[in-house]
């Protein structure tokens, strides 16, 4: 699959703000401006939602990793204490 590149293409990663601010040049023939604007609005919304979900998932991963490390430390201390009592 090839990607069309034009002088108007965005360089770098797409973000919701960059998509929302995007204004494409108007040509005599082509897509209807309303349709393009509607698509850009939808892309902005969906990218923002996925970005929010990714941030939430990363925070949850950090929370679970921290809880697992604490649990492992507690288990190691309990094992060491049990061995010292023997």
C-alpha atoms as a PDB file:
ATOM      1  CA  UNK A   1       0.000   0.000   0.000  1.00  0.00           C
ATOM      2  CA  UNK A   2       1.423   3.377  -0.921  1.00  0.00           C
ATOM      3  CA  UNK A   3       0.903   6.550   1.024  1.00  0.00           C
ATOM      4  CA  UNK A   4       0.064   9.738  -0.834  1.00  0.00           C
ATOM      5  CA  UNK A   5       2.329  12.597   0.168  1.00  0.00           C
ATOM      6  CA  UNK A   6       1.662  16.181  -0.740  1.00  0.00           C
ATOM      7  CA  UNK A   7       3.164  19.482   0.250  1.00  0.00           C
ATOM      8  CA  UNK A   8       0.158  19.884   2.568  1.00  0.00           C
ATOM      9  CA  UNK A   9       0.696  16.587   4.405  1.00  0.00           C
ATOM     10  CA  UNK A  10       1.385  16.736   8.119  1.00  0.00           C
ATOM     11  CA  UNK A  11       4.905  15.870   9.128  1.00  0.00           C
ATOM     12  CA  UNK A  12       5.415  14.017  12.373  1.00  0.00           C
ATOM     13  CA  UNK A  13       2.921  12.196  14.589  1.00  0.00           C
ATOM     14  CA  UNK A  14      -0.769  12.962  14.339  1.00  0.00           C
ATOM     15  CA  UNK A  15      -2.394  14.248  17.488  1.00  0.00           C
ATOM     16  CA  UNK A  16      -6.003  15.244  18.102  1.00  0.00           C
ATOM     17  CA  UNK A  17      -4.996  18.914  18.218  1.00  0.00           C
ATOM     18  CA  UNK A  18      -3.099  18.714  14.933  1.00  0.00           C
ATOM     19  CA  UNK A  19      -6.019  17.024  13.189  1.00  0.00           C
ATOM     20  CA  UNK A  20      -8.505  19.514  14.644  1.00  0.00           C
ATOM     21  CA  UNK A  21      -6.396  22.439  13.386  1.00  0.00           C
ATOM     22  CA  UNK A  22      -5.873  20.935   9.935  1.00  0.00           C
ATOM     23  CA  UNK A  23      -7.282  22.907   7.020  1.00  0.00           C
ATOM     24  CA  UNK A  24      -6.905  21.366   3.586  1.00  0.00           C
ATOM     25  CA  UNK A  25      -6.681  23.530   0.478  1.00  0.00           C
ATOM     26  CA  UNK A  26      -9.872  23.839  -1.557  1.00  0.00           C
ATOM     27  CA  UNK A  27      -9.725  22.721  -5.175  1.00  0.00           C
ATOM     28  CA  UNK A  28     -12.242  23.129  -7.970  1.00  0.00           C
ATOM     29  CA  UNK A  29     -13.026  19.470  -7.957  1.00  0.00           C
ATOM     30  CA  UNK A  30     -12.623  17.026  -5.158  1.00  0.00           C
ATOM     31  CA  UNK A  31     -14.282  16.158  -1.902  1.00  0.00           C
ATOM     32  CA  UNK A  32     -17.032  18.200  -0.340  1.00  0.00           C
ATOM     33  CA  UNK A  33     -15.653  20.451   2.383  1.00  0.00           C
ATOM     34  CA  UNK A  34     -18.415  19.383   4.789  1.00  0.00           C
ATOM     35  CA  UNK A  35     -17.529  15.712   4.326  1.00  0.00           C
ATOM     36  CA  UNK A  36     -13.817  16.306   4.891  1.00  0.00           C
ATOM     37  CA  UNK A  37     -14.532  18.442   7.971  1.00  0.00           C
ATOM     38  CA  UNK A  38     -16.850  15.745   9.362  1.00  0.00           C
ATOM     39  CA  UNK A  39     -14.176  13.098   8.834  1.00  0.00           C
ATOM     40  CA  UNK A  40     -11.511  15.256  10.482  1.00  0.00           C
ATOM     41  CA  UNK A  41     -13.849  15.852  13.422  1.00  0.00           C
ATOM     42  CA  UNK A  42     -14.426  12.102  13.799  1.00  0.00           C
ATOM     43  CA  UNK A  43     -10.698  11.343  13.520  1.00  0.00           C
ATOM     44  CA  UNK A  44      -9.963  13.989  16.139  1.00  0.00           C
ATOM     45  CA  UNK A  45     -12.524  12.500  18.530  1.00  0.00           C
ATOM     46  CA  UNK A  46     -11.415   8.897  18.019  1.00  0.00           C
ATOM     47  CA  UNK A  47      -7.708   9.680  18.309  1.00  0.00           C
ATOM     48  CA  UNK A  48      -8.329  11.676  21.494  1.00  0.00           C
ATOM     49  CA  UNK A  49     -10.362   8.771  22.926  1.00  0.00           C
ATOM     50  CA  UNK A  50      -7.651   6.225  22.091  1.00  0.00           C
ATOM     51  CA  UNK A  51      -4.997   8.501  23.538  1.00  0.00           C
ATOM     52  CA  UNK A  52      -7.023   8.812  26.768  1.00  0.00           C
ATOM     53  CA  UNK A  53      -7.455   5.027  26.913  1.00  0.00           C
ATOM     54  CA  UNK A  54      -3.724   4.514  26.412  1.00  0.00           C
ATOM     55  CA  UNK A  55      -2.907   6.947  29.229  1.00  0.00           C
ATOM     56  CA  UNK A  56      -5.406   5.167  31.496  1.00  0.00           C
ATOM     57  CA  UNK A  57      -3.995   1.738  30.611  1.00  0.00           C
ATOM     58  CA  UNK A  58      -0.430   2.860  31.269  1.00  0.00           C
ATOM     59  CA  UNK A  59      -1.458   4.239  34.666  1.00  0.00           C
ATOM     60  CA  UNK A  60      -3.208   0.948  35.477  1.00  0.00           C
ATOM     61  CA  UNK A  61      -0.123  -0.996  34.404  1.00  0.00           C
ATOM     62  CA  UNK A  62       2.056   1.113  36.729  1.00  0.00           C
ATOM     63  CA  UNK A  63      -0.432   0.581  39.575  1.00  0.00           C
ATOM     64  CA  UNK A  64      -0.505  -3.198  39.072  1.00  0.00           C
ATOM     65  CA  UNK A  65       3.284  -3.403  38.685  1.00  0.00           C
ATOM     66  CA  UNK A  66       3.763  -1.492  41.936  1.00  0.00           C
ATOM     67  CA  UNK A  67       1.280  -3.725  43.744  1.00  0.00           C
ATOM     68  CA  UNK A  68       3.010  -6.831  42.407  1.00  0.00           C
ATOM     69  CA  UNK A  69       6.443  -5.564  43.523  1.00  0.00           C
ATOM     70  CA  UNK A  70       5.086  -4.810  47.001  1.00  0.00           C
ATOM     71  CA  UNK A  71       3.482  -8.258  47.218  1.00  0.00           C
ATOM     72  CA  UNK A  72       6.681  -9.958  46.080  1.00  0.00           C
ATOM     73  CA  UNK A  73       8.679  -8.017  48.670  1.00  0.00           C
ATOM     74  CA  UNK A  74       6.219  -8.996  51.404  1.00  0.00           C
ATOM     75  CA  UNK A  75       6.416 -12.655  50.341  1.00  0.00           C
ATOM     76  CA  UNK A  76      10.228 -12.547  50.356  1.00  0.00           C
ATOM     77  CA  UNK A  77      10.283 -10.961  53.835  1.00  0.00           C
ATOM     78  CA  UNK A  78       7.803 -13.539  55.135  1.00  0.00           C
ATOM     79  CA  UNK A  79       9.883 -16.372  53.644  1.00  0.00           C
ATOM     80  CA  UNK A  80      13.092 -14.936  55.130  1.00  0.00           C
ATOM     81  CA  UNK A  81      11.411 -14.539  58.535  1.00  0.00           C
ATOM     82  CA  UNK A  82      10.152 -18.124  58.421  1.00  0.00           C
ATOM     83  CA  UNK A  83      13.631 -19.412  57.550  1.00  0.00           C
ATOM     84  CA  UNK A  84      15.192 -17.428  60.411  1.00  0.00           C
ATOM     85  CA  UNK A  85      12.779 -19.042  62.886  1.00  0.00           C
ATOM     86  CA  UNK A  86      13.937 -22.530  61.919  1.00  0.00           C
END
